[in-house]
Amino acid sequence: MKKVVLLSTLFIMSCSVDNHPTAPQVIVGDVSMGVKSMSTVIANISEKVTSGKVTITMTITPGAMYSLQLTDIQGNIINTTGFTANTITLVKLLDYTAVPVGTYDLNLMDTSGNSNKIPVIIQR
């Protein structure tokens, strides 16, 4: 009889549900966002009026992380390209051929919150 009680108790304990939520993990220490940006500048754009392909030249900080965001007039993000700079001057070819015709802002942003924006008009 003792064996039956012991086995029943073990069975009931193994079937219990843990209703205690686990505490969220806390990140201790710094989270690396790359080197601190000293420059966030769109130096040149191939053409502000385009059918979709744009070549952009930027002056940025090597090792820093950046994001190029194409936003519509209402501020909705249409396209995002993230990258870590490997040179002071970086040239990127962006393909917006799938983006509808319209007027957009191209925003270059770093992880410190600095930004630089230029207008881009897509026509076909």
Protein backbone atom coordinates (compact mmCIF):
# COMPACT_ATOMS: atom_id res chain seq x y z
CA MET A 1 0.00 0.00 0.00
CA LYS A 2 2.88 2.35 0.78
CA LYS A 3 4.22 1.80 -2.74
CA VAL A 4 0.87 2.75 -4.28
CA VAL A 5 0.66 5.95 -2.24
CA LEU A 6 4.26 6.83 -3.04
CA LEU A 7 3.79 6.18 -6.77
CA SER A 8 0.50 8.13 -6.79
CA THR A 9 2.16 11.06 -5.07
CA LEU A 10 5.08 11.04 -7.52
CA PHE A 11 2.68 10.82 -10.46
CA ILE A 12 0.57 13.75 -9.23
CA MET A 13 3.66 15.86 -8.58
CA SER A 14 5.06 15.16 -12.03
CA CYS A 15 1.79 16.22 -13.69
CA SER A 16 1.50 19.56 -11.92
CA VAL A 17 1.59 22.70 -14.04
CA ASP A 18 4.07 25.44 -13.28
CA ASN A 19 2.01 28.63 -13.20
CA HIS A 20 4.89 30.77 -12.05
CA PRO A 21 6.17 32.88 -14.94
CA THR A 22 9.90 33.06 -15.33
CA ALA A 23 11.52 36.41 -14.79
CA PRO A 24 12.71 38.17 -17.95
CA GLN A 25 16.42 37.96 -18.64
CA VAL A 26 18.31 41.08 -17.76
CA ILE A 27 21.26 42.05 -19.90
CA VAL A 28 24.14 43.07 -17.68
CA GLY A 29 26.82 45.29 -19.14
CA ASP A 30 27.02 47.27 -22.34
CA VAL A 31 25.40 46.16 -25.57
CA SER A 32 27.74 46.94 -28.43
CA MET A 33 26.23 49.18 -31.08
CA GLY A 34 29.54 49.60 -32.88
CA VAL A 35 31.88 52.55 -32.72
CA LYS A 36 30.34 55.91 -31.78
CA SER A 37 29.50 57.78 -34.96
CA MET A 38 31.35 61.02 -35.62
CA SER A 39 29.84 61.63 -39.06
CA THR A 40 26.39 60.96 -40.52
CA VAL A 41 26.32 62.78 -43.84
CA ILE A 42 24.81 62.01 -47.23
CA ALA A 43 27.52 63.58 -49.38
CA ASN A 44 26.01 62.90 -52.81
CA ILE A 45 23.15 61.14 -54.55
CA SER A 46 23.29 60.10 -58.20
CA GLU A 47 19.91 61.64 -58.96
CA LYS A 48 17.00 62.79 -56.80
CA VAL A 49 14.50 61.93 -59.55
CA THR A 50 14.86 58.27 -60.49
CA SER A 51 13.02 55.31 -61.94
CA GLY A 52 14.15 53.29 -58.91
CA LYS A 53 17.94 52.86 -58.77
CA VAL A 54 19.89 55.34 -56.67
CA THR A 55 23.62 55.54 -55.94
CA ILE A 56 24.35 57.33 -52.68
CA THR A 57 27.73 58.48 -51.34
CA MET A 58 28.01 58.91 -47.57
CA THR A 59 30.66 60.30 -45.23
CA ILE A 60 30.51 58.12 -42.14
CA THR A 61 32.61 56.66 -39.31
CA PRO A 62 34.32 53.27 -39.84
CA GLY A 63 33.02 50.71 -37.35
CA ALA A 64 29.80 52.61 -36.63
CA MET A 65 26.38 51.16 -37.40
CA TYR A 66 23.94 52.96 -39.70
CA SER A 67 20.52 52.59 -41.25
CA LEU A 68 19.19 53.97 -44.53
CA GLN A 69 15.41 54.32 -44.38
CA LEU A 70 13.13 55.29 -47.23
CA THR A 71 9.98 56.87 -45.78
CA ASP A 72 6.84 58.18 -47.43
CA ILE A 73 5.35 61.62 -46.83
CA GLN A 74 3.39 60.30 -43.82
CA GLY A 75 6.56 58.94 -42.18
CA ASN A 76 5.83 55.26 -42.90
CA ILE A 77 9.00 53.23 -43.44
CA ILE A 78 8.97 51.75 -46.95
CA ASN A 79 12.45 50.21 -47.04
CA THR A 80 15.34 49.84 -44.58
CA THR A 81 18.97 48.95 -45.23
CA GLY A 82 21.24 48.50 -42.21
CA PHE A 83 25.03 48.32 -42.38
CA THR A 84 28.26 48.79 -40.46
CA ALA A 85 30.66 51.26 -42.06
CA ASN A 86 34.04 49.92 -43.12
CA THR A 87 35.40 53.12 -44.71
CA ILE A 88 35.02 56.88 -44.22
CA THR A 89 33.40 57.29 -47.63
CA LEU A 90 30.90 54.62 -48.59
CA VAL A 91 28.99 54.29 -51.85
CA LYS A 92 25.80 52.20 -51.87
CA LEU A 93 23.55 51.28 -54.77
CA LEU A 94 19.92 51.15 -53.65
CA ASP A 95 17.23 49.49 -55.75
CA TYR A 96 13.78 50.99 -55.25
CA THR A 97 12.26 49.70 -58.50
CA ALA A 98 9.55 47.87 -56.52
CA VAL A 99 8.58 51.06 -54.65
CA PRO A 100 5.50 52.86 -56.03
CA VAL A 101 5.85 56.17 -57.84
CA GLY A 102 5.95 59.08 -55.39
CA THR A 103 8.00 61.46 -53.28
CA TYR A 104 10.01 59.99 -50.42
CA ASP A 105 12.65 60.93 -47.86
CA LEU A 106 15.88 58.95 -47.66
CA ASN A 107 17.16 59.08 -44.08
CA LEU A 108 20.68 58.12 -43.00
CA MET A 109 20.67 57.43 -39.24
CA ASP A 110 23.30 56.28 -36.77
CA THR A 111 22.87 54.50 -33.44
CA SER A 112 23.29 57.78 -31.52
CA GLY A 113 20.15 59.24 -33.10
CA ASN A 114 21.89 61.55 -35.57
CA SER A 115 20.30 61.70 -39.00
CA ASN A 116 20.59 63.30 -42.40
CA LYS A 117 17.82 63.20 -44.99
CA ILE A 118 17.34 64.02 -48.64
CA PRO A 119 14.28 63.83 -50.89
CA VAL A 120 13.95 61.07 -53.49
CA ILE A 121 11.33 61.23 -56.26
CA ILE A 122 10.46 57.98 -58.02
CA GLN A 123 8.97 58.40 -61.50
CA ARG A 124 8.45 55.92 -64.30
